[in-house]
Amino acid sequence: MEQLPDLVRQRTQAVNALRAHLAELCIIATAGLAKVEVLVAIVPDETDARLPAAARFALMAG
C-alpha cells in the first residue's frame, strides 16, 4: 500500500504543474480535482485561443 501515497503525490504534482503553467497565461480554475478537467480540456482544444500554439505544443509534448 506504500505505492498509493506515491501515486497521490505524483497526481498532485502533475495537477499543480498544469495549474502553474496555465496560470502564467492567466488561465485559472478554482481549487479541486474536478475543476482540473476544465484546464485539461483547454490543452488539446486548438479552437481555444487563450492558449498560444507554442504553449499548447509544449504541454502536449510532456
N, C-alpha and C. Protein backbone atom coordinates (compact mmCIF):
# COMPACT_ATOMS: atom_id res chain seq x y z
N MET A 1 0.81 -1.21 0.00
CA MET A 1 0.00 0.00 0.00
C MET A 1 0.85 1.27 0.00
N GLU A 2 2.16 1.09 0.03
CA GLU A 2 3.03 2.26 0.02
C GLU A 2 2.97 2.99 -1.31
N GLN A 3 2.59 2.29 -2.38
CA GLN A 3 2.53 2.90 -3.70
C GLN A 3 1.40 3.92 -3.81
N LEU A 4 0.32 3.71 -3.08
CA LEU A 4 -0.81 4.63 -3.18
C LEU A 4 -0.44 6.06 -2.80
N PRO A 5 0.24 6.30 -1.68
CA PRO A 5 0.63 7.68 -1.37
C PRO A 5 1.54 8.27 -2.45
N ASP A 6 2.40 7.43 -3.06
CA ASP A 6 3.25 7.93 -4.13
C ASP A 6 2.43 8.35 -5.34
N LEU A 7 1.42 7.56 -5.68
CA LEU A 7 0.56 7.90 -6.82
C LEU A 7 -0.22 9.19 -6.56
N VAL A 8 -0.71 9.34 -5.35
CA VAL A 8 -1.45 10.56 -4.99
C VAL A 8 -0.51 11.75 -5.06
N ARG A 9 0.70 11.59 -4.56
CA ARG A 9 1.68 12.68 -4.59
C ARG A 9 2.03 13.05 -6.04
N GLN A 10 2.21 12.05 -6.89
CA GLN A 10 2.53 12.32 -8.30
C GLN A 10 1.37 13.00 -9.01
N ARG A 11 0.14 12.58 -8.70
CA ARG A 11 -1.03 13.22 -9.30
C ARG A 11 -1.10 14.67 -8.87
N THR A 12 -0.87 14.92 -7.58
CA THR A 12 -0.89 16.28 -7.07
C THR A 12 0.18 17.13 -7.74
N GLN A 13 1.36 16.58 -7.92
CA GLN A 13 2.44 17.32 -8.57
C GLN A 13 2.08 17.65 -10.02
N ALA A 14 1.50 16.70 -10.72
CA ALA A 14 1.12 16.93 -12.12
C ALA A 14 0.03 18.00 -12.22
N VAL A 15 -0.96 17.93 -11.34
CA VAL A 15 -2.04 18.92 -11.35
C VAL A 15 -1.49 20.30 -11.02
N ASN A 16 -0.63 20.38 -10.03
CA ASN A 16 -0.04 21.68 -9.66
C ASN A 16 0.82 22.24 -10.78
N ALA A 17 1.54 21.39 -11.48
CA ALA A 17 2.36 21.85 -12.60
C ALA A 17 1.48 22.42 -13.72
N LEU A 18 0.41 21.71 -14.04
CA LEU A 18 -0.51 22.20 -15.08
C LEU A 18 -1.12 23.53 -14.67
N ARG A 19 -1.58 23.61 -13.42
CA ARG A 19 -2.16 24.86 -12.92
C ARG A 19 -1.14 26.01 -13.02
N ALA A 20 0.10 25.73 -12.64
CA ALA A 20 1.13 26.78 -12.66
C ALA A 20 1.42 27.25 -14.09
N HIS A 21 1.56 26.30 -15.01
CA HIS A 21 1.85 26.68 -16.40
C HIS A 21 0.72 27.51 -17.00
N LEU A 22 -0.51 27.08 -16.76
CA LEU A 22 -1.63 27.82 -17.32
C LEU A 22 -1.87 29.14 -16.60
N ALA A 23 -1.56 29.20 -15.31
CA ALA A 23 -1.72 30.45 -14.57
C ALA A 23 -0.78 31.53 -15.10
N GLU A 24 0.38 31.12 -15.60
CA GLU A 24 1.30 32.10 -16.20
C GLU A 24 0.67 32.78 -17.41
N LEU A 25 -0.31 32.13 -18.01
CA LEU A 25 -1.02 32.68 -19.17
C LEU A 25 -2.38 33.23 -18.77
N CYS A 26 -2.58 33.39 -17.47
CA CYS A 26 -3.83 33.92 -16.91
C CYS A 26 -5.03 33.00 -17.15
N ILE A 27 -4.77 31.72 -17.26
CA ILE A 27 -5.83 30.73 -17.38
C ILE A 27 -5.88 30.01 -16.04
N ILE A 28 -6.96 30.22 -15.31
CA ILE A 28 -7.06 29.63 -13.96
C ILE A 28 -8.39 28.92 -13.80
N ALA A 29 -8.42 28.04 -12.82
CA ALA A 29 -9.65 27.35 -12.43
C ALA A 29 -9.66 27.28 -10.91
N THR A 30 -10.83 27.19 -10.35
CA THR A 30 -10.92 27.11 -8.90
C THR A 30 -10.32 25.80 -8.39
N ALA A 31 -10.10 25.72 -7.09
CA ALA A 31 -9.44 24.58 -6.48
C ALA A 31 -10.28 23.31 -6.60
N GLY A 32 -9.60 22.20 -6.55
CA GLY A 32 -10.27 20.91 -6.58
C GLY A 32 -9.95 20.13 -7.83
N LEU A 33 -9.85 18.81 -7.68
CA LEU A 33 -9.53 17.97 -8.83
C LEU A 33 -10.60 18.03 -9.92
N ALA A 34 -11.84 18.17 -9.52
CA ALA A 34 -12.91 18.23 -10.52
C ALA A 34 -12.76 19.43 -11.45
N LYS A 35 -12.23 20.51 -10.93
CA LYS A 35 -12.05 21.73 -11.73
C LYS A 35 -10.88 21.62 -12.68
N VAL A 36 -9.98 20.67 -12.43
CA VAL A 36 -8.83 20.48 -13.30
C VAL A 36 -9.26 20.00 -14.68
N GLU A 37 -10.39 19.31 -14.75
CA GLU A 37 -10.91 18.84 -16.03
C GLU A 37 -11.09 19.99 -17.01
N VAL A 38 -11.48 21.15 -16.49
CA VAL A 38 -11.64 22.34 -17.33
C VAL A 38 -10.30 22.73 -17.93
N LEU A 39 -9.25 22.70 -17.11
CA LEU A 39 -7.92 23.07 -17.60
C LEU A 39 -7.38 22.03 -18.58
N VAL A 40 -7.59 20.76 -18.26
CA VAL A 40 -7.11 19.69 -19.13
C VAL A 40 -7.77 19.78 -20.51
N ALA A 41 -9.02 20.16 -20.56
CA ALA A 41 -9.74 20.25 -21.83
C ALA A 41 -9.23 21.39 -22.71
N ILE A 42 -8.65 22.39 -22.12
CA ILE A 42 -8.14 23.54 -22.88
C ILE A 42 -6.92 23.15 -23.70
N VAL A 43 -6.07 22.29 -23.15
CA VAL A 43 -4.78 21.99 -23.79
C VAL A 43 -4.93 21.42 -25.20
N PRO A 44 -5.70 20.39 -25.45
CA PRO A 44 -5.78 19.86 -26.82
C PRO A 44 -6.74 20.61 -27.74
N ASP A 45 -7.51 21.55 -27.20
CA ASP A 45 -8.54 22.26 -27.99
C ASP A 45 -7.89 23.39 -28.79
N GLU A 46 -7.61 23.11 -30.05
CA GLU A 46 -6.94 24.09 -30.90
C GLU A 46 -7.83 25.30 -31.21
N THR A 47 -9.12 25.21 -30.95
CA THR A 47 -10.00 26.35 -31.19
C THR A 47 -10.01 27.32 -30.02
N ASP A 48 -9.40 26.93 -28.88
CA ASP A 48 -9.35 27.78 -27.70
C ASP A 48 -8.16 28.72 -27.83
N ALA A 49 -8.43 29.98 -28.14
CA ALA A 49 -7.39 30.96 -28.41
C ALA A 49 -6.65 31.45 -27.17
N ARG A 50 -7.12 31.07 -25.98
CA ARG A 50 -6.45 31.52 -24.76
C ARG A 50 -5.06 30.93 -24.62
N LEU A 51 -4.83 29.78 -25.22
CA LEU A 51 -3.56 29.09 -25.09
C LEU A 51 -2.78 29.24 -26.40
N PRO A 52 -1.64 29.93 -26.35
CA PRO A 52 -0.84 30.08 -27.58
C PRO A 52 -0.37 28.73 -28.11
N ALA A 53 -0.16 28.66 -29.41
CA ALA A 53 0.22 27.41 -30.06
C ALA A 53 1.51 26.83 -29.48
N ALA A 54 2.48 27.65 -29.17
CA ALA A 54 3.75 27.17 -28.62
C ALA A 54 3.53 26.53 -27.24
N ALA A 55 2.69 27.14 -26.42
CA ALA A 55 2.39 26.60 -25.10
C ALA A 55 1.62 25.30 -25.22
N ARG A 56 0.69 25.26 -26.17
CA ARG A 56 -0.09 24.03 -26.39
C ARG A 56 0.84 22.90 -26.80
N PHE A 57 1.76 23.20 -27.71
CA PHE A 57 2.72 22.19 -28.17
C PHE A 57 3.55 21.68 -27.00
N ALA A 58 4.06 22.58 -26.18
CA ALA A 58 4.89 22.19 -25.04
C ALA A 58 4.12 21.34 -24.03
N LEU A 59 2.88 21.71 -23.76
CA LEU A 59 2.08 20.96 -22.80
C LEU A 59 1.67 19.59 -23.35
N MET A 60 1.47 19.49 -24.63
CA MET A 60 1.07 18.22 -25.21
C MET A 60 2.28 17.29 -25.38
N ALA A 61 3.47 17.86 -25.48
CA ALA A 61 4.67 17.06 -25.68
C ALA A 61 5.08 16.34 -24.40
N GLY A 62 4.66 16.89 -23.24
CA GLY A 62 5.09 16.32 -21.95
C GLY A 62 4.38 15.10 -21.68
